[in-house]
Structure formats: structure tokens, C-alpha cells
C-alpha atoms as a PDB file:
ATOM      1  CA  MET A   1    -165.520 -46.707 106.708  1.00  0.00           C
ATOM      2  CA  SER A   2    -167.894 -45.798 103.932  1.00  0.00           C
ATOM      3  CA  LEU A   3    -171.427 -46.764 102.960  1.00  0.00           C
ATOM      4  CA  SER A   4    -172.921 -46.534  99.494  1.00  0.00           C
ATOM      5  CA  SER A   5    -176.211 -47.780  98.132  1.00  0.00           C
ATOM      6  CA  GLU A   6    -177.966 -48.634  94.910  1.00  0.00           C
ATOM      7  CA  LYS A   7    -181.499 -49.745  94.201  1.00  0.00           C
ATOM      8  CA  ILE A   8    -181.991 -52.987  92.255  1.00  0.00           C
ATOM      9  CA  GLY A   9    -185.720 -53.393  91.708  1.00  0.00           C
ATOM     10  CA  GLU A  10    -187.281 -53.235  95.164  1.00  0.00           C
ATOM     11  CA  VAL A  11    -184.039 -54.184  96.905  1.00  0.00           C
ATOM     12  CA  LEU A  12    -181.675 -51.615  98.387  1.00  0.00           C
ATOM     13  CA  VAL A  13    -178.099 -52.893  98.145  1.00  0.00           C
ATOM     14  CA  ILE A  14    -175.898 -51.228 100.749  1.00  0.00           C
ATOM     15  CA  SER A  15    -172.147 -51.640 100.311  1.00  0.00           C
ATOM     16  CA  ALA A  16    -169.863 -51.212 103.295  1.00  0.00           C
ATOM     17  CA  SER A  17    -166.119 -50.837 102.930  1.00  0.00           C
ATOM     18  CA  GLY A  18    -163.259 -50.420 105.360  1.00  0.00           C
ATOM     19  CA  GLN A  19    -163.833 -51.369 108.988  1.00  0.00           C
ATOM     20  CA  ILE A  20    -166.731 -51.293 111.418  1.00  0.00           C
ATOM     21  CA  ASN A  21    -165.374 -50.919 114.935  1.00  0.00           C
ATOM     22  CA  SER A  22    -166.219 -49.231 118.230  1.00  0.00           C
ATOM     23  CA  ALA A  23    -164.900 -45.892 116.954  1.00  0.00           C
ATOM     24  CA  ASN A  24    -167.360 -45.661 114.046  1.00  0.00           C
ATOM     25  CA  ALA A  25    -170.179 -48.085 114.958  1.00  0.00           C
ATOM     26  CA  ALA A  26    -172.603 -45.347 116.066  1.00  0.00           C
ATOM     27  CA  GLN A  27    -172.112 -43.459 112.809  1.00  0.00           C
ATOM     28  CA  VAL A  28    -172.588 -46.631 110.740  1.00  0.00           C
ATOM     29  CA  GLU A  29    -175.682 -47.545 112.761  1.00  0.00           C
ATOM     30  CA  SER A  30    -177.327 -44.165 112.154  1.00  0.00           C
ATOM     31  CA  GLY A  31    -176.460 -44.378 108.451  1.00  0.00           C
ATOM     32  CA  LEU A  32    -177.988 -47.838 108.084  1.00  0.00           C
ATOM     33  CA  LEU A  33    -181.074 -47.103 110.170  1.00  0.00           C
ATOM     34  CA  ALA A  34    -181.728 -43.980 108.095  1.00  0.00           C
ATOM     35  CA  TYR A  35    -182.541 -46.280 105.170  1.00  0.00           C
ATOM     36  CA  VAL A  36    -185.114 -48.135 107.281  1.00  0.00           C
ATOM     37  CA  GLU A  37    -186.623 -44.857 108.476  1.00  0.00           C
ATOM     38  CA  GLN A  38    -186.933 -43.779 104.830  1.00  0.00           C
ATOM     39  CA  GLY A  39    -189.118 -46.825 104.226  1.00  0.00           C
ATOM     40  CA  GLU A  40    -186.686 -49.388 102.844  1.00  0.00           C
ATOM     41  CA  ARG A  41    -187.778 -52.923 103.683  1.00  0.00           C
ATOM     42  CA  LEU A  42    -185.638 -55.209 101.527  1.00  0.00           C
ATOM     43  CA  CYS A  43    -181.929 -54.682 102.112  1.00  0.00           C
ATOM     44  CA  ALA A  44    -178.877 -56.567 100.947  1.00  0.00           C
ATOM     45  CA  LEU A  45    -175.755 -55.667 102.888  1.00  0.00           C
ATOM     46  CA  ASP A  46    -172.728 -56.207 100.644  1.00  0.00           C
ATOM     47  CA  LEU A  47    -169.687 -56.611 102.878  1.00  0.00           C
ATOM     48  CA  SER A  48    -167.200 -57.509 100.123  1.00  0.00           C
ATOM     49  CA  GLY A  49    -165.271 -54.294 100.825  1.00  0.00           C
ATOM     50  CA  LEU A  50    -165.244 -54.793 104.594  1.00  0.00           C
ATOM     51  CA  ASP A  51    -161.943 -56.067 105.965  1.00  0.00           C
ATOM     52  CA  TYR A  52    -162.721 -55.922 109.705  1.00  0.00           C
ATOM     53  CA  ILE A  53    -165.766 -55.991 111.963  1.00  0.00           C
ATOM     54  CA  SER A  54    -165.722 -55.802 115.770  1.00  0.00           C
ATOM     55  CA  SER A  55    -168.397 -56.842 118.245  1.00  0.00           C
ATOM     56  CA  ALA A  56    -169.706 -53.269 118.036  1.00  0.00           C
ATOM     57  CA  GLY A  57    -170.084 -53.775 114.288  1.00  0.00           C
ATOM     58  CA  LEU A  58    -171.920 -57.061 114.801  1.00  0.00           C
ATOM     59  CA  ARG A  59    -174.322 -55.217 117.086  1.00  0.00           C
ATOM     60  CA  VAL A  60    -174.996 -52.684 114.307  1.00  0.00           C
ATOM     61  CA  VAL A  61    -175.829 -55.473 111.831  1.00  0.00           C
ATOM     62  CA  LEU A  62    -178.160 -57.069 114.390  1.00  0.00           C
ATOM     63  CA  ILE A  63    -179.919 -53.738 115.026  1.00  0.00           C
ATOM     64  CA  LEU A  64    -180.410 -53.290 111.274  1.00  0.00           C
ATOM     65  CA  ALA A  65    -181.839 -56.810 110.941  1.00  0.00           C
ATOM     66  CA  ARG A  66    -184.240 -56.236 113.834  1.00  0.00           C
ATOM     67  CA  GLY A  67    -185.287 -52.838 112.499  1.00  0.00           C
ATOM     68  CA  LEU A  68    -186.117 -54.351 109.118  1.00  0.00           C
ATOM     69  CA  LYS A  69    -187.943 -57.288 110.681  1.00  0.00           C
ATOM     70  CA  GLN A  70    -190.132 -54.898 112.700  1.00  0.00           C
ATOM     71  CA  LYS A  71    -191.176 -53.302 109.398  1.00  0.00           C
ATOM     72  CA  SER A  72    -191.874 -56.744 107.860  1.00  0.00           C
ATOM     73  CA  GLY A  73    -188.657 -56.401 105.906  1.00  0.00           C
ATOM     74  CA  GLN A  74    -185.674 -58.596 105.271  1.00  0.00           C
ATOM     75  CA  LEU A  75    -181.876 -58.405 105.418  1.00  0.00           C
ATOM     76  CA  VAL A  76    -179.486 -60.600 103.454  1.00  0.00           C
ATOM     77  CA  LEU A  77    -175.725 -60.306 103.846  1.00  0.00           C
ATOM     78  CA  CYS A  78    -173.344 -61.083 101.008  1.00  0.00           C
ATOM     79  CA  GLY A  79    -169.698 -60.956 100.015  1.00  0.00           C
ATOM     80  CA  LEU A  80    -168.177 -61.642 103.419  1.00  0.00           C
ATOM     81  CA  GLN A  81    -164.386 -61.750 103.299  1.00  0.00           C
ATOM     82  CA  PRO A  82    -162.906 -64.832 105.058  1.00  0.00           C
ATOM     83  CA  GLN A  83    -161.826 -62.907 108.183  1.00  0.00           C
ATOM     84  CA  VAL A  84    -165.238 -61.194 108.462  1.00  0.00           C
ATOM     85  CA  HIS A  85    -167.058 -64.482 107.811  1.00  0.00           C
ATOM     86  CA  GLU A  86    -165.067 -66.030 110.666  1.00  0.00           C
ATOM     87  CA  VAL A  87    -166.235 -63.306 113.080  1.00  0.00           C
ATOM     88  CA  PHE A  88    -169.871 -63.910 112.085  1.00  0.00           C
ATOM     89  CA  ASP A  89    -169.336 -67.668 112.473  1.00  0.00           C
ATOM     90  CA  ILE A  90    -167.656 -67.504 115.891  1.00  0.00           C
ATOM     91  CA  SER A  91    -170.322 -65.116 117.189  1.00  0.00           C
ATOM     92  CA  GLY A  92    -173.141 -67.435 116.096  1.00  0.00           C
ATOM     93  CA  PHE A  93    -174.596 -64.797 113.771  1.00  0.00           C
ATOM     94  CA  LEU A  94    -174.488 -67.163 110.779  1.00  0.00           C
ATOM     95  CA  SER A  95    -177.280 -69.151 112.410  1.00  0.00           C
ATOM     96  CA  ILE A  96    -179.578 -66.128 112.824  1.00  0.00           C
ATOM     97  CA  LEU A  97    -178.808 -64.107 109.681  1.00  0.00           C
ATOM     98  CA  THR A  98    -179.121 -65.002 106.013  1.00  0.00           C
ATOM     99  CA  VAL A  99    -175.675 -64.961 104.390  1.00  0.00           C
ATOM    100  CA  VAL A 100    -175.035 -65.707 100.726  1.00  0.00           C
ATOM    101  CA  ALA A 101    -171.959 -65.494  98.517  1.00  0.00           C
ATOM    102  CA  SER A 102    -172.867 -62.832  95.960  1.00  0.00           C
ATOM    103  CA  ARG A 103    -174.821 -59.625  95.532  1.00  0.00           C
ATOM    104  CA  SER A 104    -176.962 -61.161  92.769  1.00  0.00           C
ATOM    105  CA  GLU A 105    -177.831 -64.114  95.011  1.00  0.00           C
ATOM    106  CA  ALA A 106    -178.742 -61.721  97.841  1.00  0.00           C
ATOM    107  CA  VAL A 107    -181.094 -59.769  95.574  1.00  0.00           C
ATOM    108  CA  SER A 108    -182.713 -62.964  94.262  1.00  0.00           C
ATOM    109  CA  ARG A 109    -183.279 -64.256  97.833  1.00  0.00           C
ATOM    110  CA  MET A 110    -185.440 -61.281  98.799  1.00  0.00           C
ATOM    111  CA  GLY A 111    -189.044 -62.131  99.411  1.00  0.00           C
ATOM    112  CA  GLU A 112    -188.312 -65.770 100.205  1.00  0.00           C
ATOM    113  CA  PRO A 113    -189.665 -66.993 103.550  1.00  0.00           C
ATOM    114  CA  VAL A 114    -187.154 -66.687 106.350  1.00  0.00           C
ATOM    115  CA  ASN A 115    -187.299 -68.984 109.363  1.00  0.00           C
ATOM    116  CA  LYS A 116    -184.476 -67.409 111.322  1.00  0.00           C
ATOM    117  CA  THR A 117    -185.191 -65.499 114.506  1.00  0.00           C
ATOM    118  CA  VAL A 118    -183.447 -62.178 115.001  1.00  0.00           C
END
């Protein structure tokens, strides 16, 4: 599992690759929350390189979304592979998180009003 980031305007795009599972979820969580603690408010989480996510990984994404919301920020997910998209769908997370197809769409969605409750 690896995380990388790049800044596009005011938006921090975080790319995750590999797998997020119970063995590495705590490490991924601390890595993602470090961005929030550093003051990032607008984050796009690019999961195009992620080929597996467990329930522990879903929890990490939810914690990131809540952390950003508490700071009046926003999280948009993009690039979900079909098997990862299915996990988000089955878990009901698609109804509470903003998910778009591409990184550019995620960046352009930042700042738009969000009606979803996290």
C-alpha cells in the first residue's frame, strides 16, 4: 500500500495504490489524517491504483471524510476500480460520499455544496 499526493490549486489529490486492509489500515489512517492536521481542507482521494479495500479500509475513508467535514472541508473520491466500487456500493458508502469517475472531475467538484451526511 502506498500513498502519494500532489497539489492542484487548493485541492490536495491523494493517490492510493495497492490494498487497504486490516493489516495496514492504521498506517493508512495516520497517513491520511496527517494531511488534515497539516491544514488541508479540500481532498480528492484517487483510488484508481487501489485493487482491494476491506471494511477496515472503508472505516479509514469514513474517518478521513469526517475529519475534513469537521474542518469545513470536503472529500471527493475518484477512479474506483469495479471491485472497489462494488465494496463501496454494497456498504452503502456511495450514498454518503461523493464519488466521481476522474481526477479532473474530482478537482472541479471541490467547493460545490454537498448535501450528504457523513
